[in-house]
Amino acid sequence: MVKASDIRDYFGYSSQGEFDFNITDVKPSTEVLGGSLTFIGAYRAEYLDLLKDKPADILVIIASELKEKISGYCQSFIISDDPRLDFVKALKKFFQSRGNVDSGIHPTAIISPKAKIHKSARIGAYSIIGECEIGENCVIEEYVRIYDKVTIGTGCLIKSQCQIGTDDFGVVKDNDGSWITFPHIGGVEIGDNVEIFPNSIVGRGTLGNTVIKDGVKIDHFCEIGHNTEIGENSVITAYVVVAGSTIVGSGAWIGVGALLRDQIKIGKDVTIGMGSVVSKSVPDGQTFIGNPAEEIGVFKNRRKFLKELEENRK
């Protein structure tokens, strides 16, 4: 059971109200009930009105900009400079269980006798684990396939139906015009605190390794090609394809459905808009959108020019 005082003490922020009650649920501020935890950002000041007729045993992580507005409310408040971030931290600390995998190795999992799996790791039902290394406090959910030559760091979460270290695609044309598949004999290196969501695929390197660095988050249905390197704390959102030998710098955000061609470099802290087709390298700190993708200022100017041209033709 989580007490409101536990959450208050975890953050150590300025607070208001009584904290001697249990938190039994988490709710959005529009559906808040007694015994629940919620948050209100500075851009949602009107949500305070929703608390007026609600019970006192509600804990609200609220934006510091709204501190002067909470006098007279019977609920309890934790004052935060970033309430959404702190709400997420509270969820992960007090309420979230990491997957639906029991501790240890599920009896239906198939494990290579040469696999090195830390005793604190959890392997879900019907997963197949090859000759690889899985570090401390990792969770491998059900129906995951991890091939040989994969190294996974600490605190990683691999969700169901993922394939890590599978043979990737590459062909070479023979003299007679036929295609020969390029053998992939490399591996995959995954750092610490990486999360890969369901149905994503990470291909093994051709000769070297595909590298996913610390803190990377990969959404559903993504494909990470051979020899790719994904930098620290980058986010790859759903349905993204990163073709082989591409380097993505640290702190990048790749929008939903983007396509990154092979052998290009995406710089640090880059944002790629959803649905973009990136066919050339992107410098640090840039935002690229469109098909073909271009710097956002150039893209907007081009759209403006075309719109004006169209209007002038009328």
C-alpha atoms as a PDB file:
ATOM      1  CA  MET A   1       0.000   0.000   0.000  1.00  0.00           C
ATOM      2  CA  VAL A   2       1.321   3.437  -0.970  1.00  0.00           C
ATOM      3  CA  LYS A   3       0.722   6.339   1.376  1.00  0.00           C
ATOM      4  CA  ALA A   4       0.478   9.911   0.147  1.00  0.00           C
ATOM      5  CA  SER A   5       3.296  10.766   2.547  1.00  0.00           C
ATOM      6  CA  ASP A   6       5.550   8.226   0.793  1.00  0.00           C
ATOM      7  CA  ILE A   7       5.182  10.096  -2.477  1.00  0.00           C
ATOM      8  CA  ARG A   8       5.660  13.480  -0.801  1.00  0.00           C
ATOM      9  CA  ASP A   9       8.827  12.274   0.925  1.00  0.00           C
ATOM     10  CA  TYR A  10      10.159  10.703  -2.290  1.00  0.00           C
ATOM     11  CA  PHE A  11      10.221  14.095  -4.006  1.00  0.00           C
ATOM     12  CA  GLY A  12      10.938  16.306  -0.986  1.00  0.00           C
ATOM     13  CA  TYR A  13       9.230  19.276  -2.639  1.00  0.00           C
ATOM     14  CA  SER A  14       7.139  22.001  -1.068  1.00  0.00           C
ATOM     15  CA  SER A  15       3.671  20.668  -0.297  1.00  0.00           C
ATOM     16  CA  GLN A  16       0.278  21.594   1.118  1.00  0.00           C
ATOM     17  CA  GLY A  17      -2.341  19.524   2.953  1.00  0.00           C
ATOM     18  CA  GLU A  18      -2.598  16.336   4.979  1.00  0.00           C
ATOM     19  CA  PHE A  19      -0.783  13.246   3.721  1.00  0.00           C
ATOM     20  CA  ASP A  20      -1.942  10.519   6.105  1.00  0.00           C
ATOM     21  CA  PHE A  21      -4.038   8.540   3.613  1.00  0.00           C
ATOM     22  CA  ASN A  22      -3.529   5.690   1.170  1.00  0.00           C
ATOM     23  CA  ILE A  23      -3.229   6.016  -2.605  1.00  0.00           C
ATOM     24  CA  THR A  24      -5.076   3.135  -4.251  1.00  0.00           C
ATOM     25  CA  ASP A  25      -5.250   4.348  -7.855  1.00  0.00           C
ATOM     26  CA  VAL A  26      -3.905   6.835 -10.383  1.00  0.00           C
ATOM     27  CA  LYS A  27      -6.284   8.900 -12.505  1.00  0.00           C
ATOM     28  CA  PRO A  28      -6.317  11.714 -15.047  1.00  0.00           C
ATOM     29  CA  SER A  29      -7.420  14.954 -13.425  1.00  0.00           C
ATOM     30  CA  THR A  30     -10.748  14.771 -15.309  1.00  0.00           C
ATOM     31  CA  GLU A  31     -11.629  11.447 -13.623  1.00  0.00           C
ATOM     32  CA  VAL A  32     -10.068  11.861 -10.209  1.00  0.00           C
ATOM     33  CA  LEU A  33     -11.592   9.965  -7.256  1.00  0.00           C
ATOM     34  CA  GLY A  34     -10.886   9.590  -3.559  1.00  0.00           C
ATOM     35  CA  GLY A  35      -7.636   7.754  -2.832  1.00  0.00           C
ATOM     36  CA  SER A  36      -6.095   8.617  -6.199  1.00  0.00           C
ATOM     37  CA  LEU A  37      -3.004  10.377  -7.503  1.00  0.00           C
ATOM     38  CA  THR A  38      -3.172  12.841 -10.389  1.00  0.00           C
ATOM     39  CA  PHE A  39      -1.351  15.870 -11.791  1.00  0.00           C
ATOM     40  CA  ILE A  40      -2.262  19.292 -13.166  1.00  0.00           C
ATOM     41  CA  GLY A  41       0.071  21.228 -15.449  1.00  0.00           C
ATOM     42  CA  ALA A  42       0.272  25.002 -15.732  1.00  0.00           C
ATOM     43  CA  TYR A  43      -1.617  24.853 -19.041  1.00  0.00           C
ATOM     44  CA  ARG A  44      -4.572  23.121 -17.367  1.00  0.00           C
ATOM     45  CA  ALA A  45      -5.407  25.557 -14.561  1.00  0.00           C
ATOM     46  CA  GLU A  46      -9.132  25.100 -15.242  1.00  0.00           C
ATOM     47  CA  TYR A  47      -8.842  21.499 -14.028  1.00  0.00           C
ATOM     48  CA  LEU A  48      -8.540  22.807 -10.475  1.00  0.00           C
ATOM     49  CA  ASP A  49     -12.279  23.479 -10.604  1.00  0.00           C
ATOM     50  CA  LEU A  50     -12.868  19.742 -10.942  1.00  0.00           C
ATOM     51  CA  LEU A  51     -11.550  19.242  -7.414  1.00  0.00           C
ATOM     52  CA  LYS A  52     -14.075  21.483  -5.661  1.00  0.00           C
ATOM     53  CA  ASP A  53     -16.648  18.781  -4.936  1.00  0.00           C
ATOM     54  CA  LYS A  54     -14.191  15.889  -4.622  1.00  0.00           C
ATOM     55  CA  PRO A  55     -12.988  14.142  -1.408  1.00  0.00           C
ATOM     56  CA  ALA A  56      -9.973  15.350   0.536  1.00  0.00           C
ATOM     57  CA  ASP A  57      -7.984  12.120   0.081  1.00  0.00           C
ATOM     58  CA  ILE A  58      -6.683  13.054  -3.355  1.00  0.00           C
ATOM     59  CA  LEU A  59      -3.013  13.779  -4.023  1.00  0.00           C
ATOM     60  CA  VAL A  60      -2.249  16.253  -6.814  1.00  0.00           C
ATOM     61  CA  ILE A  61       1.176  16.961  -8.261  1.00  0.00           C
ATOM     62  CA  ILE A  62       0.632  20.522  -9.405  1.00  0.00           C
ATOM     63  CA  ALA A  63       2.633  23.062 -11.369  1.00  0.00           C
ATOM     64  CA  SER A  64       4.472  25.635  -9.297  1.00  0.00           C
ATOM     65  CA  GLU A  65       2.847  28.340 -11.461  1.00  0.00           C
ATOM     66  CA  LEU A  66      -0.510  27.364  -9.908  1.00  0.00           C
ATOM     67  CA  LYS A  67       0.678  27.448  -6.292  1.00  0.00           C
ATOM     68  CA  GLU A  68      -1.216  30.634  -5.478  1.00  0.00           C
ATOM     69  CA  LYS A  69      -4.491  29.151  -6.736  1.00  0.00           C
ATOM     70  CA  ILE A  70      -4.711  26.121  -4.435  1.00  0.00           C
ATOM     71  CA  SER A  71      -5.531  27.852  -1.141  1.00  0.00           C
ATOM     72  CA  GLY A  72      -8.978  26.823   0.027  1.00  0.00           C
ATOM     73  CA  TYR A  73      -8.861  23.367  -1.570  1.00  0.00           C
ATOM     74  CA  CYS A  74      -9.184  20.391   0.794  1.00  0.00           C
ATOM     75  CA  GLN A  75      -6.982  18.076  -1.272  1.00  0.00           C
ATOM     76  CA  SER A  76      -3.240  17.571  -0.820  1.00  0.00           C
ATOM     77  CA  PHE A  77      -0.714  19.067  -3.221  1.00  0.00           C
ATOM     78  CA  ILE A  78       2.925  18.506  -4.141  1.00  0.00           C
ATOM     79  CA  ILE A  79       4.367  21.604  -5.815  1.00  0.00           C
ATOM     80  CA  SER A  80       6.421  20.720  -8.883  1.00  0.00           C
ATOM     81  CA  ASP A  81       8.295  22.595 -11.607  1.00  0.00           C
ATOM     82  CA  ASP A  82       7.416  19.766 -14.013  1.00  0.00           C
ATOM     83  CA  PRO A  83       4.299  17.947 -12.772  1.00  0.00           C
ATOM     84  CA  ARG A  84       3.955  15.666 -15.784  1.00  0.00           C
ATOM     85  CA  LEU A  85       7.532  14.437 -15.407  1.00  0.00           C
ATOM     86  CA  ASP A  86       7.169  13.943 -11.654  1.00  0.00           C
ATOM     87  CA  PHE A  87       3.846  12.132 -12.133  1.00  0.00           C
ATOM     88  CA  VAL A  88       5.608   9.682 -14.458  1.00  0.00           C
ATOM     89  CA  LYS A  89       8.416   9.240 -11.928  1.00  0.00           C
ATOM     90  CA  ALA A  90       5.862   8.505  -9.200  1.00  0.00           C
ATOM     91  CA  LEU A  91       4.116   5.950 -11.415  1.00  0.00           C
ATOM     92  CA  LYS A  92       7.362   4.138 -12.176  1.00  0.00           C
ATOM     93  CA  LYS A  93       8.508   4.228  -8.543  1.00  0.00           C
ATOM     94  CA  PHE A  94       5.300   3.222  -6.774  1.00  0.00           C
ATOM     95  CA  PHE A  95       2.782   1.728  -9.192  1.00  0.00           C
ATOM     96  CA  GLN A  96       4.261   0.206 -12.338  1.00  0.00           C
ATOM     97  CA  SER A  97       5.161  -3.457 -12.525  1.00  0.00           C
ATOM     98  CA  ARG A  98       7.662  -4.174 -15.297  1.00  0.00           C
ATOM     99  CA  GLY A  99       5.714  -6.376 -17.629  1.00  0.00           C
ATOM    100  CA  ASN A 100       3.595  -9.434 -16.842  1.00  0.00           C
ATOM    101  CA  VAL A 101       6.552 -11.753 -16.365  1.00  0.00           C
ATOM    102  CA  ASP A 102       7.056 -13.735 -13.175  1.00  0.00           C
ATOM    103  CA  SER A 103      10.525 -13.724 -11.666  1.00  0.00           C
ATOM    104  CA  GLY A 104      13.040 -16.171 -13.071  1.00  0.00           C
ATOM    105  CA  ILE A 105      12.701 -18.134 -16.289  1.00  0.00           C
ATOM    106  CA  HIS A 106       9.271 -19.337 -17.379  1.00  0.00           C
ATOM    107  CA  PRO A 107       9.203 -23.128 -17.832  1.00  0.00           C
ATOM    108  CA  THR A 108       8.046 -22.816 -21.447  1.00  0.00           C
ATOM    109  CA  ALA A 109      11.007 -20.627 -22.452  1.00  0.00           C
ATOM    110  CA  ILE A 110      13.759 -22.238 -24.536  1.00  0.00           C
ATOM    111  CA  ILE A 111      17.210 -21.199 -23.330  1.00  0.00           C
ATOM    112  CA  SER A 112      20.557 -21.997 -24.933  1.00  0.00           C
ATOM    113  CA  PRO A 113      22.861 -23.767 -22.483  1.00  0.00           C
ATOM    114  CA  LYS A 114      25.491 -21.193 -23.497  1.00  0.00           C
ATOM    115  CA  ALA A 115      23.315 -18.196 -22.621  1.00  0.00           C
ATOM    116  CA  LYS A 116      24.533 -16.017 -19.734  1.00  0.00           C
ATOM    117  CA  ILE A 117      21.479 -14.682 -17.919  1.00  0.00           C
ATOM    118  CA  HIS A 118      21.763 -12.708 -14.689  1.00  0.00           C
ATOM    119  CA  LYS A 119      19.857 -14.311 -11.824  1.00  0.00           C
ATOM    120  CA  SER A 120      17.720 -11.177 -11.393  1.00  0.00           C
ATOM    121  CA  ALA A 121      16.544 -11.203 -15.038  1.00  0.00           C
ATOM    122  CA  ARG A 122      13.086 -12.447 -15.976  1.00  0.00           C
ATOM    123  CA  ILE A 123      12.288 -14.461 -19.089  1.00  0.00           C
ATOM    124  CA  GLY A 124       8.656 -14.780 -20.195  1.00  0.00           C
ATOM    125  CA  ALA A 125       6.635 -17.642 -21.601  1.00  0.00           C
ATOM    126  CA  TYR A 126       7.619 -19.170 -24.949  1.00  0.00           C
ATOM    127  CA  SER A 127      10.588 -16.881 -25.450  1.00  0.00           C
ATOM    128  CA  ILE A 128      13.624 -18.338 -27.225  1.00  0.00           C
ATOM    129  CA  ILE A 129      17.012 -17.202 -25.986  1.00  0.00           C
ATOM    130  CA  GLY A 130      20.156 -18.016 -27.956  1.00  0.00           C
ATOM    131  CA  GLU A 131      23.827 -17.839 -27.024  1.00  0.00           C
ATOM    132  CA  CYS A 132      23.701 -14.315 -25.634  1.00  0.00           C
ATOM    133  CA  GLU A 133      24.193 -12.257 -22.467  1.00  0.00           C
ATOM    134  CA  ILE A 134      21.304 -10.690 -20.534  1.00  0.00           C
ATOM    135  CA  GLY A 135      22.171  -8.360 -17.675  1.00  0.00           C
ATOM    136  CA  GLU A 136      20.860  -7.518 -14.242  1.00  0.00           C
ATOM    137  CA  ASN A 137      17.168  -6.661 -13.724  1.00  0.00           C
ATOM    138  CA  CYS A 138      16.221  -7.177 -17.375  1.00  0.00           C
ATOM    139  CA  VAL A 139      12.703  -8.230 -18.331  1.00  0.00           C
ATOM    140  CA  ILE A 140      12.201 -10.273 -21.480  1.00  0.00           C
ATOM    141  CA  GLU A 141       8.473 -10.697 -22.025  1.00  0.00           C
ATOM    142  CA  GLU A 142       6.645 -13.595 -23.700  1.00  0.00           C
ATOM    143  CA  TYR A 143       7.274 -14.744 -27.278  1.00  0.00           C
ATOM    144  CA  VAL A 144      10.538 -12.823 -27.658  1.00  0.00           C
ATOM    145  CA  ARG A 145      13.301 -14.226 -29.881  1.00  0.00           C
ATOM    146  CA  ILE A 146      16.848 -13.264 -28.964  1.00  0.00           C
ATOM    147  CA  TYR A 147      19.460 -14.742 -31.279  1.00  0.00           C
ATOM    148  CA  ASP A 148      23.129 -15.566 -30.769  1.00  0.00           C
ATOM    149  CA  LYS A 149      25.750 -12.823 -30.342  1.00  0.00           C
ATOM    150  CA  VAL A 150      23.407 -10.429 -28.537  1.00  0.00           C
ATOM    151  CA  THR A 151      24.548  -8.577 -25.426  1.00  0.00           C
ATOM    152  CA  ILE A 152      21.919  -6.791 -23.320  1.00  0.00           C
ATOM    153  CA  GLY A 153      22.920  -4.474 -20.465  1.00  0.00           C
ATOM    154  CA  THR A 154      21.164  -3.817 -17.150  1.00  0.00           C
ATOM    155  CA  GLY A 155      17.589  -2.722 -16.520  1.00  0.00           C
ATOM    156  CA  CYS A 156      16.346  -3.366 -20.067  1.00  0.00           C
ATOM    157  CA  LEU A 157      12.779  -4.211 -21.076  1.00  0.00           C
ATOM    158  CA  ILE A 158      12.114  -6.203 -24.252  1.00  0.00           C
ATOM    159  CA  LYS A 159       8.380  -6.540 -24.828  1.00  0.00           C
ATOM    160  CA  SER A 160       6.497  -9.372 -26.475  1.00  0.00           C
ATOM    161  CA  GLN A 161       6.988 -10.486 -30.083  1.00  0.00           C
ATOM    162  CA  CYS A 162      10.301  -8.655 -30.556  1.00  0.00           C
ATOM    163  CA  GLN A 163      13.196 -10.196 -32.491  1.00  0.00           C
ATOM    164  CA  ILE A 164      16.668  -9.122 -31.461  1.00  0.00           C
ATOM    165  CA  GLY A 165      19.695 -10.129 -33.531  1.00  0.00           C
ATOM    166  CA  THR A 166      17.883 -11.680 -36.468  1.00  0.00           C
ATOM    167  CA  ASP A 167      19.592 -11.971 -39.856  1.00  0.00           C
ATOM    168  CA  ASP A 168      19.073  -8.716 -41.694  1.00  0.00           C
ATOM    169  CA  PHE A 169      18.661  -8.104 -45.410  1.00  0.00           C
ATOM    170  CA  GLY A 170      21.526  -7.386 -47.781  1.00  0.00           C
ATOM    171  CA  VAL A 171      22.289  -8.638 -51.278  1.00  0.00           C
ATOM    172  CA  VAL A 172      25.171  -8.527 -53.746  1.00  0.00           C
ATOM    173  CA  LYS A 173      24.695  -8.923 -57.522  1.00  0.00           C
ATOM    174  CA  ASP A 174      26.638 -11.784 -59.090  1.00  0.00           C
ATOM    175  CA  ASN A 175      28.287 -11.611 -62.510  1.00  0.00           C
ATOM    176  CA  ASP A 176      25.347 -13.393 -64.107  1.00  0.00           C
ATOM    177  CA  GLY A 177      22.879 -10.842 -62.738  1.00  0.00           C
ATOM    178  CA  SER A 178      21.534 -13.033 -59.932  1.00  0.00           C
ATOM    179  CA  TRP A 179      21.444 -11.837 -56.336  1.00  0.00           C
ATOM    180  CA  ILE A 180      23.464 -13.380 -53.502  1.00  0.00           C
ATOM    181  CA  THR A 181      22.372 -12.777 -49.932  1.00  0.00           C
ATOM    182  CA  PHE A 182      25.103 -11.133 -47.843  1.00  0.00           C
ATOM    183  CA  PRO A 183      25.756 -13.301 -44.754  1.00  0.00           C
ATOM    184  CA  HIS A 184      25.200 -11.542 -41.440  1.00  0.00           C
ATOM    185  CA  ILE A 185      27.659 -12.895 -38.887  1.00  0.00           C
ATOM    186  CA  GLY A 186      27.880  -9.916 -36.520  1.00  0.00           C
ATOM    187  CA  GLY A 187      25.875  -9.281 -33.378  1.00  0.00           C
ATOM    188  CA  VAL A 188      23.859  -6.728 -31.403  1.00  0.00           C
ATOM    189  CA  GLU A 189      24.985  -4.640 -28.426  1.00  0.00           C
ATOM    190  CA  ILE A 190      22.230  -3.147 -26.271  1.00  0.00           C
ATOM    191  CA  GLY A 191      23.178  -0.774 -23.448  1.00  0.00           C
ATOM    192  CA  ASP A 192      21.505  -0.117 -20.091  1.00  0.00           C
ATOM    193  CA  ASN A 193      17.879   0.945 -19.490  1.00  0.00           C
ATOM    194  CA  VAL A 194      16.818   0.339 -23.086  1.00  0.00           C
ATOM    195  CA  GLU A 195      13.138  -0.374 -23.759  1.00  0.00           C
ATOM    196  CA  ILE A 196      11.916  -2.026 -26.960  1.00  0.00           C
ATOM    197  CA  PHE A 197       8.168  -2.278 -27.445  1.00  0.00           C
ATOM    198  CA  PRO A 198       6.204  -5.110 -29.101  1.00  0.00           C
ATOM    199  CA  ASN A 199       6.817  -6.373 -32.628  1.00  0.00           C
ATOM    200  CA  SER A 200      10.040  -4.466 -33.228  1.00  0.00           C
ATOM    201  CA  ILE A 201      13.075  -5.991 -34.933  1.00  0.00           C
ATOM    202  CA  VAL A 202      16.763  -5.277 -34.445  1.00  0.00           C
ATOM    203  CA  GLY A 203      18.958  -6.836 -37.118  1.00  0.00           C
ATOM    204  CA  ARG A 204      22.402  -8.225 -36.357  1.00  0.00           C
ATOM    205  CA  GLY A 205      25.459  -6.589 -37.888  1.00  0.00           C
ATOM    206  CA  THR A 206      26.932  -7.932 -41.092  1.00  0.00           C
ATOM    207  CA  LEU A 207      30.477  -8.260 -39.770  1.00  0.00           C
ATOM    208  CA  GLY A 208      30.490  -5.940 -36.750  1.00  0.00           C
ATOM    209  CA  ASN A 209      27.603  -5.116 -34.412  1.00  0.00           C
ATOM    210  CA  THR A 210      24.373  -3.179 -34.436  1.00  0.00           C
ATOM    211  CA  VAL A 211      24.533  -0.887 -31.388  1.00  0.00           C
ATOM    212  CA  ILE A 212      21.652   0.437 -29.266  1.00  0.00           C
ATOM    213  CA  LYS A 213      23.119   2.712 -26.591  1.00  0.00           C
ATOM    214  CA  ASP A 214      21.956   3.495 -23.045  1.00  0.00           C
ATOM    215  CA  GLY A 215      18.477   4.875 -22.438  1.00  0.00           C
ATOM    216  CA  VAL A 216      17.102   4.358 -25.960  1.00  0.00           C
ATOM    217  CA  LYS A 217      13.343   3.814 -26.282  1.00  0.00           C
ATOM    218  CA  ILE A 218      12.019   2.028 -29.387  1.00  0.00           C
ATOM    219  CA  ASP A 219       8.267   2.010 -30.004  1.00  0.00           C
ATOM    220  CA  HIS A 220       6.024  -0.644 -31.611  1.00  0.00           C
ATOM    221  CA  PHE A 221       6.659  -2.108 -35.084  1.00  0.00           C
ATOM    222  CA  CYS A 222      10.060  -0.537 -35.694  1.00  0.00           C
ATOM    223  CA  GLU A 223      12.871  -1.996 -37.771  1.00  0.00           C
ATOM    224  CA  ILE A 224      16.487  -1.232 -36.891  1.00  0.00           C
ATOM    225  CA  GLY A 225      18.793  -2.324 -39.712  1.00  0.00           C
ATOM    226  CA  HIS A 226      22.188  -3.991 -39.570  1.00  0.00           C
ATOM    227  CA  ASN A 227      25.248  -2.013 -38.430  1.00  0.00           C
ATOM    228  CA  THR A 228      23.044   0.838 -37.232  1.00  0.00           C
ATOM    229  CA  GLU A 229      24.027   2.826 -34.153  1.00  0.00           C
ATOM    230  CA  ILE A 230      21.330   4.510 -32.046  1.00  0.00           C
ATOM    231  CA  GLY A 231      22.778   7.114 -29.657  1.00  0.00           C
ATOM    232  CA  GLU A 232      22.047   7.554 -25.961  1.00  0.00           C
ATOM    233  CA  ASN A 233      18.525   8.577 -24.891  1.00  0.00           C
ATOM    234  CA  SER A 234      17.138   8.687 -28.414  1.00  0.00           C
ATOM    235  CA  VAL A 235      13.469   7.924 -29.047  1.00  0.00           C
ATOM    236  CA  ILE A 236      12.352   5.899 -32.068  1.00  0.00           C
ATOM    237  CA  THR A 237       8.561   6.114 -32.287  1.00  0.00           C
ATOM    238  CA  ALA A 238       6.187   3.627 -33.925  1.00  0.00           C
ATOM    239  CA  TYR A 239       6.597   2.237 -37.468  1.00  0.00           C
ATOM    240  CA  VAL A 240      10.024   3.801 -38.029  1.00  0.00           C
ATOM    241  CA  VAL A 241      12.466   2.070 -40.377  1.00  0.00           C
ATOM    242  CA  VAL A 242      16.157   2.800 -39.884  1.00  0.00           C
ATOM    243  CA  ALA A 243      18.069   1.275 -42.783  1.00  0.00           C
ATOM    244  CA  GLY A 244      21.471  -0.353 -42.391  1.00  0.00           C
ATOM    245  CA  SER A 245      24.680   1.445 -41.395  1.00  0.00           C
ATOM    246  CA  THR A 246      22.844   4.584 -40.268  1.00  0.00           C
ATOM    247  CA  ILE A 247      24.076   6.500 -37.219  1.00  0.00           C
ATOM    248  CA  VAL A 248      21.518   8.268 -35.039  1.00  0.00           C
ATOM    249  CA  GLY A 249      23.039  10.707 -32.559  1.00  0.00           C
ATOM    250  CA  SER A 250      22.181  11.009 -28.874  1.00  0.00           C
ATOM    251  CA  GLY A 251      18.941  12.684 -27.844  1.00  0.00           C
ATOM    252  CA  ALA A 252      17.309  12.330 -31.256  1.00  0.00           C
ATOM    253  CA  TRP A 253      13.540  12.050 -31.692  1.00  0.00           C
ATOM    254  CA  ILE A 254      12.383  10.118 -34.771  1.00  0.00           C
ATOM    255  CA  GLY A 255       8.690  10.702 -35.490  1.00  0.00           C
ATOM    256  CA  VAL A 256       6.037   8.102 -36.278  1.00  0.00           C
ATOM    257  CA  GLY A 257       6.437   6.339 -39.614  1.00  0.00           C
ATOM    258  CA  ALA A 258       9.688   8.047 -40.618  1.00  0.00           C
ATOM    259  CA  LEU A 259      12.030   6.290 -43.046  1.00  0.00           C
ATOM    260  CA  LEU A 260      15.792   6.757 -42.735  1.00  0.00           C
ATOM    261  CA  ARG A 261      17.861   5.574 -45.678  1.00  0.00           C
ATOM    262  CA  ASP A 262      21.041   3.603 -45.243  1.00  0.00           C
ATOM    263  CA  GLN A 263      24.501   5.026 -44.554  1.00  0.00           C
ATOM    264  CA  ILE A 264      23.472   8.484 -43.368  1.00  0.00           C
ATOM    265  CA  LYS A 265      24.145  10.269 -40.085  1.00  0.00           C
ATOM    266  CA  ILE A 266      21.454  11.860 -37.914  1.00  0.00           C
ATOM    267  CA  GLY A 267      23.085  14.348 -35.538  1.00  0.00           C
ATOM    268  CA  LYS A 268      22.623  14.899 -31.816  1.00  0.00           C
ATOM    269  CA  ASP A 269      19.308  16.320 -30.565  1.00  0.00           C
ATOM    270  CA  VAL A 270      17.741  16.082 -34.017  1.00  0.00           C
ATOM    271  CA  THR A 271      13.968  15.897 -34.521  1.00  0.00           C
ATOM    272  CA  ILE A 272      12.582  14.026 -37.536  1.00  0.00           C
ATOM    273  CA  GLY A 273       8.913  14.750 -38.238  1.00  0.00           C
ATOM    274  CA  MET A 274       6.345  11.995 -38.575  1.00  0.00           C
ATOM    275  CA  GLY A 275       6.173  10.361 -41.988  1.00  0.00           C
ATOM    276  CA  SER A 276       9.394  12.001 -43.162  1.00  0.00           C
ATOM    277  CA  VAL A 277      11.656  10.309 -45.696  1.00  0.00           C
ATOM    278  CA  VAL A 278      15.231  11.154 -44.774  1.00  0.00           C
ATOM    279  CA  SER A 279      17.630  10.584 -47.645  1.00  0.00           C
ATOM    280  CA  LYS A 280      20.628  12.635 -46.490  1.00  0.00           C
ATOM    281  CA  SER A 281      22.522  13.330 -43.275  1.00  0.00           C
ATOM    282  CA  VAL A 282      21.075  15.799 -40.761  1.00  0.00           C
ATOM    283  CA  PRO A 283      23.291  18.186 -38.713  1.00  0.00           C
ATOM    284  CA  ASP A 284      23.120  18.404 -34.918  1.00  0.00           C
ATOM    285  CA  GLY A 285      20.107  20.144 -33.423  1.00  0.00           C
ATOM    286  CA  GLN A 286      18.089  20.381 -36.640  1.00  0.00           C
ATOM    287  CA  THR A 287      14.424  19.576 -37.276  1.00  0.00           C
ATOM    288  CA  PHE A 288      13.740  17.898 -40.627  1.00  0.00           C
ATOM    289  CA  ILE A 289      10.283  17.161 -42.038  1.00  0.00           C
ATOM    290  CA  GLY A 290       8.684  16.129 -45.317  1.00  0.00           C
ATOM    291  CA  ASN A 291       9.405  13.851 -48.278  1.00  0.00           C
ATOM    292  CA  PRO A 292      12.174  14.232 -49.117  1.00  0.00           C
ATOM    293  CA  ALA A 293      12.920  15.598 -45.656  1.00  0.00           C
ATOM    294  CA  GLU A 294      14.452  19.054 -45.378  1.00  0.00           C
ATOM    295  CA  GLU A 295      15.143  21.579 -42.641  1.00  0.00           C
ATOM    296  CA  ILE A 296      11.849  22.849 -41.229  1.00  0.00           C
ATOM    297  CA  GLY A 297      12.477  26.495 -42.144  1.00  0.00           C
ATOM    298  CA  VAL A 298      13.272  25.561 -45.734  1.00  0.00           C
ATOM    299  CA  PHE A 299      10.220  23.302 -45.822  1.00  0.00           C
ATOM    300  CA  LYS A 300       7.900  26.067 -44.582  1.00  0.00           C
ATOM    301  CA  ASN A 301       9.320  28.628 -46.993  1.00  0.00           C
ATOM    302  CA  ARG A 302       8.895  26.223 -49.894  1.00  0.00           C
ATOM    303  CA  ARG A 303       5.284  25.512 -48.912  1.00  0.00           C
ATOM    304  CA  LYS A 304       4.617  29.232 -48.587  1.00  0.00           C
ATOM    305  CA  PHE A 305       6.137  29.916 -52.012  1.00  0.00           C
ATOM    306  CA  LEU A 306       4.094  27.162 -53.661  1.00  0.00           C
ATOM    307  CA  LYS A 307       0.917  28.402 -52.005  1.00  0.00           C
ATOM    308  CA  GLU A 308       1.555  31.955 -53.200  1.00  0.00           C
ATOM    309  CA  LEU A 309       2.352  30.672 -56.682  1.00  0.00           C
ATOM    310  CA  GLU A 310      -0.888  28.740 -56.789  1.00  0.00           C
ATOM    311  CA  GLU A 311      -2.891  31.741 -55.612  1.00  0.00           C
ATOM    312  CA  ASN A 312      -1.288  34.002 -58.214  1.00  0.00           C
ATOM    313  CA  ARG A 313      -2.345  31.604 -60.969  1.00  0.00           C
ATOM    314  CA  LYS A 314      -6.007  31.894 -60.050  1.00  0.00           C
END
